[in-house]
Amino acid sequence: MKYSRYFAGLALAALGLAAIVPAASAVPVAGRETRTGDIYISGLTDYQSTVAEYSSLPRSRAVAANECGFLRLTGNSTSAPITAGDTLKLNGGSNVVFNTLPVEAVPKCTNGALAGNTSPSAALKDSDGNVYFTGLTPYSQNTITFNDVATTRSAKTNTCGHLRLSNSGNYVVTSGGILITDKDTGATIINIADVTTLPAVSGGPICRNGASFFATDWP
């Protein structure tokens, strides 16, 4: 075992990696891989269950316009609530800032014709915080992107206490913060205020036979 560990260390050293076994009381350290955008955290305990809370991630969903060519987004939706400061996009267009939307009477649809507010703005909100997009093709399918959805995911460390948060699927993050807590105790492990300030690294930590190997640019 020592022999194979020795040559494994030589091979990793040739790739610019240093063999380090962190102490159990090591302070968590985070870095972001430049190629993939994956976020790695070292210095945790082995097989530790964690919860990562993203402050803002984009989410898109298809919404159909009604027969009058407008659609409604519920402000207090549990899956994608809309709050002050949030931004939305309609069909990949410009950001629509919730705070700046005019508050207008709710447009209504009667037999295919607008009623009530018959000349609504292209985008508006009502007094209850619901958002409306108007002037669309009746019954058309439209893509609404919520740019600031708070999202939670679970992740577990490996035997070396390394945590990897892949930057893919529903978790592609370009800005905002991530709070990582212990799933069992709720204690804060590390609070990343802004992912854009994380140190850029050429690769995340590697775990081999219980030993940790770090790239030379690991913080």
Protein backbone atom coordinates (compact mmCIF):
# COMPACT_ATOMS: atom_id res chain seq x y z
CA MET A 1 0.00 0.00 0.00
CA LYS A 2 2.81 2.43 0.81
CA TYR A 3 4.46 1.56 -2.49
CA SER A 4 1.36 2.27 -4.57
CA ARG A 5 0.68 5.45 -2.57
CA TYR A 6 4.22 6.60 -3.27
CA PHE A 7 3.89 6.22 -7.03
CA ALA A 8 0.40 7.68 -7.00
CA GLY A 9 1.90 10.71 -5.28
CA LEU A 10 4.58 10.99 -7.95
CA ALA A 11 2.00 10.86 -10.72
CA LEU A 12 -0.10 13.56 -9.11
CA ALA A 13 2.95 15.69 -8.43
CA ALA A 14 3.71 15.56 -12.13
CA LEU A 15 0.29 17.12 -12.73
CA GLY A 16 1.04 19.97 -10.35
CA LEU A 17 -0.75 18.47 -7.36
CA ALA A 18 0.50 18.36 -3.80
CA ALA A 19 -0.37 15.57 -1.36
CA ILE A 20 -1.86 16.94 1.83
CA VAL A 21 -3.98 15.25 4.45
CA PRO A 22 -6.04 17.95 6.20
CA ALA A 23 -6.55 17.76 9.94
CA ALA A 24 -10.03 17.00 11.25
CA SER A 25 -10.31 20.55 12.58
CA ALA A 26 -9.29 22.17 9.28
CA VAL A 27 -11.11 25.37 8.36
CA PRO A 28 -13.32 24.90 5.26
CA VAL A 29 -11.80 26.44 2.14
CA ALA A 30 -13.65 27.02 -1.15
CA GLY A 31 -12.48 27.39 -4.73
CA ARG A 32 -14.14 27.43 -8.15
CA GLU A 33 -12.81 25.44 -11.10
CA THR A 34 -12.23 27.69 -14.08
CA ARG A 35 -13.15 25.12 -16.74
CA THR A 36 -16.48 23.88 -15.40
CA GLY A 37 -17.49 26.43 -12.78
CA ASP A 38 -17.85 23.63 -10.23
CA ILE A 39 -17.41 24.76 -6.63
CA TYR A 40 -15.25 22.69 -4.26
CA ILE A 41 -14.91 22.97 -0.51
CA SER A 42 -12.23 21.19 1.52
CA GLY A 43 -11.74 20.79 5.26
CA LEU A 44 -15.04 19.07 6.10
CA THR A 45 -15.49 15.68 7.77
CA ASP A 46 -15.79 12.47 5.80
CA TYR A 47 -19.24 11.66 4.36
CA GLN A 48 -20.73 14.74 5.94
CA SER A 49 -24.27 15.55 4.79
CA THR A 50 -24.73 19.19 3.85
CA VAL A 51 -27.37 21.55 2.51
CA ALA A 52 -26.40 24.27 0.03
CA GLU A 53 -28.77 27.25 -0.13
CA TYR A 54 -28.34 29.35 -3.27
CA SER A 55 -29.59 32.91 -2.90
CA SER A 56 -30.50 33.28 -6.58
CA LEU A 57 -30.57 30.87 -9.50
CA PRO A 58 -32.36 31.21 -12.86
CA ARG A 59 -35.41 29.07 -13.49
CA SER A 60 -37.45 28.91 -16.68
CA ARG A 61 -40.92 27.56 -17.33
CA ALA A 62 -43.43 27.60 -20.16
CA VAL A 63 -46.56 29.67 -19.64
CA ALA A 64 -49.45 29.88 -22.11
CA ALA A 65 -51.13 33.16 -22.95
CA ASN A 66 -54.91 33.18 -22.75
CA GLU A 67 -57.34 33.91 -25.58
CA CYS A 68 -56.80 37.65 -25.09
CA GLY A 69 -53.02 37.37 -25.42
CA PHE A 70 -51.88 37.95 -21.85
CA LEU A 71 -50.51 35.76 -19.09
CA ARG A 72 -50.38 36.02 -15.32
CA LEU A 73 -47.59 35.05 -12.92
CA THR A 74 -48.61 34.50 -9.31
CA GLY A 75 -46.46 36.59 -7.01
CA ASN A 76 -46.70 34.24 -4.02
CA SER A 77 -45.98 31.04 -5.92
CA THR A 78 -44.20 28.46 -3.75
CA SER A 79 -41.91 27.29 -6.57
CA ALA A 80 -40.98 30.71 -7.97
CA PRO A 81 -42.13 33.55 -5.71
CA ILE A 82 -41.64 37.09 -7.00
CA THR A 83 -40.35 39.60 -4.50
CA ALA A 84 -38.85 43.08 -4.44
CA GLY A 85 -35.70 43.34 -6.54
CA ASP A 86 -36.37 40.21 -8.60
CA THR A 87 -35.99 40.26 -12.36
CA LEU A 88 -37.82 38.30 -15.04
CA LYS A 89 -37.39 37.67 -18.75
CA LEU A 90 -40.06 37.01 -21.33
CA ASN A 91 -38.92 34.74 -24.18
CA GLY A 92 -35.26 35.58 -23.60
CA GLY A 93 -35.77 39.34 -23.88
CA SER A 94 -34.57 42.12 -21.63
CA ASN A 95 -34.74 41.93 -17.87
CA VAL A 96 -38.00 43.14 -16.38
CA VAL A 97 -37.43 44.49 -12.87
CA PHE A 98 -40.33 43.78 -10.54
CA ASN A 99 -39.77 46.96 -8.51
CA THR A 100 -40.13 49.19 -11.59
CA LEU A 101 -43.32 47.62 -12.99
CA PRO A 102 -46.34 49.94 -12.95
CA VAL A 103 -49.21 48.98 -10.64
CA GLU A 104 -52.36 48.85 -12.75
CA ALA A 105 -55.85 47.41 -12.74
CA VAL A 106 -55.98 43.74 -13.62
CA PRO A 107 -56.70 43.07 -17.31
CA LYS A 108 -59.65 40.75 -17.84
CA CYS A 109 -60.64 38.57 -20.74
CA THR A 110 -64.28 38.29 -21.84
CA ASN A 111 -65.11 36.27 -24.92
CA GLY A 112 -61.69 36.90 -26.41
CA ALA A 113 -61.71 40.64 -25.78
CA LEU A 114 -59.99 42.68 -23.10
CA ALA A 115 -62.25 44.04 -20.42
CA GLY A 116 -61.63 46.23 -17.41
CA ASN A 117 -58.11 47.50 -18.12
CA THR A 118 -58.40 47.59 -21.93
CA SER A 119 -55.04 49.32 -22.55
CA PRO A 120 -52.60 47.68 -20.14
CA SER A 121 -48.86 48.19 -20.23
CA ALA A 122 -46.78 45.47 -21.90
CA ALA A 123 -45.69 44.35 -18.43
CA LEU A 124 -47.40 45.32 -15.20
CA LYS A 125 -48.22 44.17 -11.69
CA ASP A 126 -51.36 44.36 -9.63
CA SER A 127 -51.72 45.48 -6.01
CA ASP A 128 -51.27 41.86 -4.83
CA GLY A 129 -47.86 41.50 -6.50
CA ASN A 130 -48.96 39.35 -9.43
CA VAL A 131 -47.24 40.07 -12.76
CA TYR A 132 -48.87 40.27 -16.19
CA PHE A 133 -47.40 40.22 -19.68
CA THR A 134 -49.76 41.49 -22.38
CA GLY A 135 -49.79 41.90 -26.16
CA LEU A 136 -48.95 38.24 -26.83
CA THR A 137 -50.37 35.92 -29.46
CA PRO A 138 -53.52 34.28 -28.11
CA TYR A 139 -52.85 30.77 -26.79
CA SER A 140 -49.12 31.11 -27.51
CA GLN A 141 -46.53 29.24 -25.43
CA ASN A 142 -44.06 31.62 -23.80
CA THR A 143 -40.90 31.07 -21.77
CA ILE A 144 -40.63 32.98 -18.51
CA THR A 145 -37.22 33.05 -16.86
CA PHE A 146 -37.05 33.83 -13.15
CA ASN A 147 -33.53 35.14 -12.56
CA ASP A 148 -33.47 35.17 -8.77
CA VAL A 149 -35.01 31.99 -7.39
CA ALA A 150 -33.73 30.82 -4.02
CA THR A 151 -32.82 27.14 -4.36
CA THR A 152 -31.67 24.41 -1.97
CA ARG A 153 -29.76 21.22 -2.75
CA SER A 154 -28.28 18.41 -0.67
CA ALA A 155 -24.73 17.13 -1.11
CA LYS A 156 -22.39 14.80 0.75
CA THR A 157 -18.62 14.96 1.14
CA ASN A 158 -16.31 12.13 0.12
CA THR A 159 -14.08 10.12 2.41
CA CYS A 160 -11.53 12.96 2.46
CA GLY A 161 -14.07 15.60 3.47
CA HIS A 162 -14.22 17.29 0.05
CA LEU A 163 -17.52 18.72 -1.14
CA ARG A 164 -18.30 19.32 -4.83
CA LEU A 165 -21.18 21.44 -6.07
CA SER A 166 -21.48 20.80 -9.79
CA ASN A 167 -22.25 23.83 -11.96
CA SER A 168 -24.76 22.08 -14.21
CA GLY A 169 -28.44 21.33 -14.74
CA ASN A 170 -30.60 23.38 -12.40
CA TYR A 171 -27.56 24.66 -10.50
CA VAL A 172 -25.73 26.83 -13.03
CA VAL A 173 -24.77 29.84 -10.92
CA THR A 174 -23.22 33.05 -12.22
CA SER A 175 -23.78 35.35 -9.25
CA GLY A 176 -25.23 35.47 -5.77
CA GLY A 177 -24.30 33.66 -2.61
CA ILE A 178 -24.37 30.11 -1.26
CA LEU A 179 -24.83 29.22 2.39
CA ILE A 180 -23.64 25.71 3.23
CA THR A 181 -24.85 24.14 6.46
CA ASP A 182 -24.64 20.76 8.14
CA LYS A 183 -27.79 18.83 7.27
CA ASP A 184 -28.03 17.16 10.67
CA THR A 185 -27.24 20.07 13.00
CA GLY A 186 -28.04 23.12 10.88
CA ALA A 187 -24.68 24.64 11.81
CA THR A 188 -23.08 26.93 9.22
CA ILE A 189 -20.10 25.35 7.47
CA ILE A 190 -19.21 28.19 5.13
CA ASN A 191 -21.07 31.24 3.83
CA ILE A 192 -20.04 32.25 0.31
CA ALA A 193 -21.32 35.81 0.00
CA ASP A 194 -20.69 36.04 -3.76
CA VAL A 195 -19.57 33.16 -5.98
CA THR A 196 -17.79 35.57 -8.31
CA THR A 197 -15.24 36.31 -5.58
CA LEU A 198 -14.21 32.68 -5.09
CA PRO A 199 -10.58 31.89 -5.94
CA ALA A 200 -10.25 30.40 -9.42
CA VAL A 201 -8.52 27.01 -9.42
CA SER A 202 -7.34 24.67 -12.15
CA GLY A 203 -8.98 21.68 -10.46
CA GLY A 204 -10.73 20.54 -7.34
CA PRO A 205 -9.24 18.40 -4.56
CA ILE A 206 -8.65 14.73 -5.33
CA CYS A 207 -9.14 11.90 -2.83
CA ARG A 208 -7.01 8.77 -3.21
CA ASN A 209 -7.06 6.00 -0.60
CA GLY A 210 -8.10 8.47 2.07
CA ALA A 211 -5.38 11.00 1.19
CA SER A 212 -6.11 14.47 -0.18
CA PHE A 213 -4.32 15.94 -3.17
CA PHE A 214 -4.67 19.62 -4.04
CA ALA A 215 -3.75 21.57 -7.16
CA THR A 216 -0.87 23.96 -6.61
CA ASP A 217 -3.26 26.93 -7.00
CA TRP A 218 -5.69 25.66 -4.38
CA PRO A 219 -6.18 28.48 -1.83
